[in-house]
Structure formats: C-alpha cells, structure tokens
Amino acid sequence: QVQLVESGGGVVQAGGSLRLSCAASGRTLRSYVMGWFRQAPGKDREFVAAISWSGGTTTYADSVKGRFTISGANAANTVYLQMNSLKPEDTAVYYCAARGGWILTTTQYDYWGQGTQVTVSS
C-alpha cells in the first residue's frame, strides 16, 4: 500500500512558478512509476507528467513540455513537479499517482493523492 500526499499548490500570476511535492509513505518509490495529473472544473482528469525510477525515464504532455519538470528524491521518497511560465489554462487540481510497471499517460494508476489546487490568474 502506498499513501500519497501533495503539497505546494496555491495562487500565482500568469508567468509565475510553483513547485508541487508528493510525499509517499508505505513503500519506497523505487519500484513505482510516479505521475502527475490535473483536473479542471467540468473537465476530465488529464495526464501531465510521469517518471520511472528504474529507467530514469520522464514523459510529458505536449501542453506542458518545456515548462514543467518532474523529478524525484529517492532518499526523501518524494516526487516534485516544477511548473514554470504558468498560464491561466494550467488552473486545476493537481494529483499525484503511483503505479507498478511502465509509464502510462492514462489514469490507470493504482494509488492517488487527494490533490492540491493550483490557480493561475491572468
């Protein structure tokens, strides 16, 4: 069992930056793929980024490529999402998720956090 807790959300002006954190407990992250998803009001939950600890592979949605960076700290059992050049359309609840196996860009992840709100004002 893995428990995930997100933090770092908030309100920021367009063009600004935020760093989200996802702290995991229960198991080491080394055996999991970690993903970030987001869900805006009235929209489906969508993939943002993911990282595979075993292969060091990262994958990004086209909408955030070049602006967001996913990374992790094994010792701290934490994964981060650095978000730069934020746009109003990035406004959403951001969720951390974990799954065994390989990276997927769908929501087929086994464990989910409660989410953290990110609001980008224009």
C-alpha atoms as a PDB file:
ATOM      1  CA  GLN A   1       0.000   0.000   0.000  1.00  0.00           C
ATOM      2  CA  VAL A   2       1.208   3.490  -0.862  1.00  0.00           C
ATOM      3  CA  GLN A   3      -0.083   6.732   0.607  1.00  0.00           C
ATOM      4  CA  LEU A   4       0.480   9.932  -1.347  1.00  0.00           C
ATOM      5  CA  VAL A   5       0.180  13.497  -0.049  1.00  0.00           C
ATOM      6  CA  GLU A   6       0.520  16.501  -2.349  1.00  0.00           C
ATOM      7  CA  SER A   7       1.528  19.999  -1.300  1.00  0.00           C
ATOM      8  CA  GLY A   8       2.709  23.246  -2.838  1.00  0.00           C
ATOM      9  CA  GLY A   9      -0.396  24.423  -4.627  1.00  0.00           C
ATOM     10  CA  GLY A  10      -1.575  28.000  -4.471  1.00  0.00           C
ATOM     11  CA  VAL A  11      -2.445  31.112  -6.416  1.00  0.00           C
ATOM     12  CA  VAL A  12       0.104  32.592  -8.816  1.00  0.00           C
ATOM     13  CA  GLN A  13       0.036  35.151 -11.596  1.00  0.00           C
ATOM     14  CA  ALA A  14       0.468  34.134 -15.206  1.00  0.00           C
ATOM     15  CA  GLY A  15       4.152  33.693 -15.996  1.00  0.00           C
ATOM     16  CA  GLY A  16       4.963  32.693 -12.449  1.00  0.00           C
ATOM     17  CA  SER A  17       6.218  29.414 -10.989  1.00  0.00           C
ATOM     18  CA  LEU A  18       5.174  26.836  -8.420  1.00  0.00           C
ATOM     19  CA  ARG A  19       6.714  23.601  -7.220  1.00  0.00           C
ATOM     20  CA  LEU A  20       4.414  20.786  -6.204  1.00  0.00           C
ATOM     21  CA  SER A  21       5.595  17.997  -3.928  1.00  0.00           C
ATOM     22  CA  CYS A  22       4.240  14.494  -3.480  1.00  0.00           C
ATOM     23  CA  ALA A  23       5.364  12.657  -0.376  1.00  0.00           C
ATOM     24  CA  ALA A  24       4.934   8.914  -0.392  1.00  0.00           C
ATOM     25  CA  SER A  25       4.742   6.565   2.547  1.00  0.00           C
ATOM     26  CA  GLY A  26       4.217   2.862   2.864  1.00  0.00           C
ATOM     27  CA  ARG A  27       6.719   1.737   0.267  1.00  0.00           C
ATOM     28  CA  THR A  28       9.789   3.074  -1.410  1.00  0.00           C
ATOM     29  CA  LEU A  29       9.127   4.801  -4.702  1.00  0.00           C
ATOM     30  CA  ARG A  30      11.914   2.922  -6.438  1.00  0.00           C
ATOM     31  CA  SER A  31       9.590   0.214  -7.659  1.00  0.00           C
ATOM     32  CA  TYR A  32       6.892   2.565  -8.958  1.00  0.00           C
ATOM     33  CA  VAL A  33       6.114   4.905 -11.787  1.00  0.00           C
ATOM     34  CA  MET A  34       5.032   8.278 -10.411  1.00  0.00           C
ATOM     35  CA  GLY A  35       2.690  10.520 -12.324  1.00  0.00           C
ATOM     36  CA  TRP A  36       1.114  13.947 -12.059  1.00  0.00           C
ATOM     37  CA  PHE A  37      -2.382  14.533 -13.380  1.00  0.00           C
ATOM     38  CA  ARG A  38      -4.703  17.517 -13.263  1.00  0.00           C
ATOM     39  CA  GLN A  39      -8.414  18.135 -13.420  1.00  0.00           C
ATOM     40  CA  ALA A  40     -10.055  21.452 -14.206  1.00  0.00           C
ATOM     41  CA  PRO A  41     -13.716  22.113 -13.353  1.00  0.00           C
ATOM     42  CA  GLY A  42     -16.022  20.335 -15.781  1.00  0.00           C
ATOM     43  CA  LYS A  43     -13.172  18.511 -17.495  1.00  0.00           C
ATOM     44  CA  ASP A  44     -11.734  15.024 -17.357  1.00  0.00           C
ATOM     45  CA  ARG A  45      -8.606  14.277 -15.408  1.00  0.00           C
ATOM     46  CA  GLU A  46      -5.628  14.575 -17.743  1.00  0.00           C
ATOM     47  CA  PHE A  47      -2.037  13.408 -17.751  1.00  0.00           C
ATOM     48  CA  VAL A  48       0.667  15.987 -17.027  1.00  0.00           C
ATOM     49  CA  ALA A  49       3.951  14.158 -16.465  1.00  0.00           C
ATOM     50  CA  ALA A  50       5.423  10.904 -15.208  1.00  0.00           C
ATOM     51  CA  ILE A  51       8.746   9.480 -14.127  1.00  0.00           C
ATOM     52  CA  SER A  52      10.008   5.923 -13.967  1.00  0.00           C
ATOM     53  CA  TRP A  53      12.514   5.479 -11.209  1.00  0.00           C
ATOM     54  CA  SER A  54      14.024   2.297 -12.582  1.00  0.00           C
ATOM     55  CA  GLY A  55      14.880   3.662 -16.012  1.00  0.00           C
ATOM     56  CA  GLY A  56      15.052   7.358 -15.246  1.00  0.00           C
ATOM     57  CA  THR A  57      12.512   7.957 -17.999  1.00  0.00           C
ATOM     58  CA  THR A  58      10.279  11.015 -17.997  1.00  0.00           C
ATOM     59  CA  THR A  59       7.236  11.737 -20.137  1.00  0.00           C
ATOM     60  CA  TYR A  60       5.272  14.979 -20.512  1.00  0.00           C
ATOM     61  CA  ALA A  61       2.007  16.088 -22.007  1.00  0.00           C
ATOM     62  CA  ASP A  62       2.537  18.325 -25.020  1.00  0.00           C
ATOM     63  CA  SER A  63       0.751  21.165 -23.247  1.00  0.00           C
ATOM     64  CA  VAL A  64       3.400  21.374 -20.515  1.00  0.00           C
ATOM     65  CA  LYS A  65       6.541  20.248 -22.354  1.00  0.00           C
ATOM     66  CA  GLY A  66       9.325  22.762 -21.880  1.00  0.00           C
ATOM     67  CA  ARG A  67       7.559  24.448 -18.952  1.00  0.00           C
ATOM     68  CA  PHE A  68       7.137  21.685 -16.358  1.00  0.00           C
ATOM     69  CA  THR A  69       9.774  19.335 -14.960  1.00  0.00           C
ATOM     70  CA  ILE A  70       9.145  16.165 -12.971  1.00  0.00           C
ATOM     71  CA  SER A  71      11.868  14.927 -10.658  1.00  0.00           C
ATOM     72  CA  GLY A  72      12.308  12.910  -7.533  1.00  0.00           C
ATOM     73  CA  ALA A  73      14.348  12.461  -4.400  1.00  0.00           C
ATOM     74  CA  ASN A  74      14.714   8.800  -3.550  1.00  0.00           C
ATOM     75  CA  ALA A  75      16.028   9.450  -0.078  1.00  0.00           C
ATOM     76  CA  ALA A  76      13.031  11.607   0.738  1.00  0.00           C
ATOM     77  CA  ASN A  77      10.569   9.317  -1.058  1.00  0.00           C
ATOM     78  CA  THR A  78       9.225  12.423  -2.747  1.00  0.00           C
ATOM     79  CA  VAL A  79       8.442  13.425  -6.308  1.00  0.00           C
ATOM     80  CA  TYR A  80       8.253  17.026  -7.485  1.00  0.00           C
ATOM     81  CA  LEU A  81       6.624  18.948 -10.289  1.00  0.00           C
ATOM     82  CA  GLN A  82       8.347  22.228 -11.069  1.00  0.00           C
ATOM     83  CA  MET A  83       5.952  24.434 -13.023  1.00  0.00           C
ATOM     84  CA  ASN A  84       7.302  27.494 -14.802  1.00  0.00           C
ATOM     85  CA  SER A  85       5.733  30.014 -17.173  1.00  0.00           C
ATOM     86  CA  LEU A  86       2.325  29.166 -15.790  1.00  0.00           C
ATOM     87  CA  LYS A  87      -0.760  30.021 -17.829  1.00  0.00           C
ATOM     88  CA  PRO A  88      -4.392  30.500 -16.751  1.00  0.00           C
ATOM     89  CA  GLU A  89      -5.242  27.257 -18.550  1.00  0.00           C
ATOM     90  CA  ASP A  90      -2.966  25.415 -16.089  1.00  0.00           C
ATOM     91  CA  THR A  91      -5.528  26.124 -13.365  1.00  0.00           C
ATOM     92  CA  ALA A  92      -6.702  22.786 -11.953  1.00  0.00           C
ATOM     93  CA  VAL A  93      -6.494  20.400  -9.047  1.00  0.00           C
ATOM     94  CA  TYR A  94      -3.213  18.540  -9.407  1.00  0.00           C
ATOM     95  CA  TYR A  95      -2.989  14.904  -8.342  1.00  0.00           C
ATOM     96  CA  CYS A  96      -0.036  12.664  -7.681  1.00  0.00           C
ATOM     97  CA  ALA A  97      -0.377   8.997  -8.608  1.00  0.00           C
ATOM     98  CA  ALA A  98       1.659   5.790  -8.488  1.00  0.00           C
ATOM     99  CA  ARG A  99       1.602   2.508 -10.344  1.00  0.00           C
ATOM    100  CA  GLY A 100       3.795  -0.507 -10.815  1.00  0.00           C
ATOM    101  CA  GLY A 101       5.198  -1.367 -14.225  1.00  0.00           C
ATOM    102  CA  TRP A 102       5.696   1.130 -17.038  1.00  0.00           C
ATOM    103  CA  ILE A 103       4.663   4.712 -17.664  1.00  0.00           C
ATOM    104  CA  LEU A 104       1.087   5.245 -18.810  1.00  0.00           C
ATOM    105  CA  THR A 105      -0.489   8.526 -19.811  1.00  0.00           C
ATOM    106  CA  THR A 106      -3.960   7.297 -18.925  1.00  0.00           C
ATOM    107  CA  THR A 107      -5.439   7.312 -15.422  1.00  0.00           C
ATOM    108  CA  GLN A 108      -4.719   3.597 -14.869  1.00  0.00           C
ATOM    109  CA  TYR A 109      -2.713   4.228 -11.742  1.00  0.00           C
ATOM    110  CA  ASP A 110      -3.106   2.253  -8.540  1.00  0.00           C
ATOM    111  CA  TYR A 111      -2.687   4.932  -5.904  1.00  0.00           C
ATOM    112  CA  TRP A 112      -3.796   8.558  -5.811  1.00  0.00           C
ATOM    113  CA  GLY A 113      -3.315  11.536  -3.549  1.00  0.00           C
ATOM    114  CA  GLN A 114      -6.079  13.930  -2.528  1.00  0.00           C
ATOM    115  CA  GLY A 115      -4.938  16.706  -4.826  1.00  0.00           C
ATOM    116  CA  THR A 116      -3.720  20.265  -4.456  1.00  0.00           C
ATOM    117  CA  GLN A 117      -5.309  23.312  -6.076  1.00  0.00           C
ATOM    118  CA  VAL A 118      -3.299  25.442  -8.491  1.00  0.00           C
ATOM    119  CA  THR A 119      -4.846  28.703  -9.642  1.00  0.00           C
ATOM    120  CA  VAL A 120      -3.163  30.899 -12.244  1.00  0.00           C
ATOM    121  CA  SER A 121      -4.573  34.399 -12.550  1.00  0.00           C
ATOM    122  CA  SER A 122      -4.307  36.430 -15.732  1.00  0.00           C
END
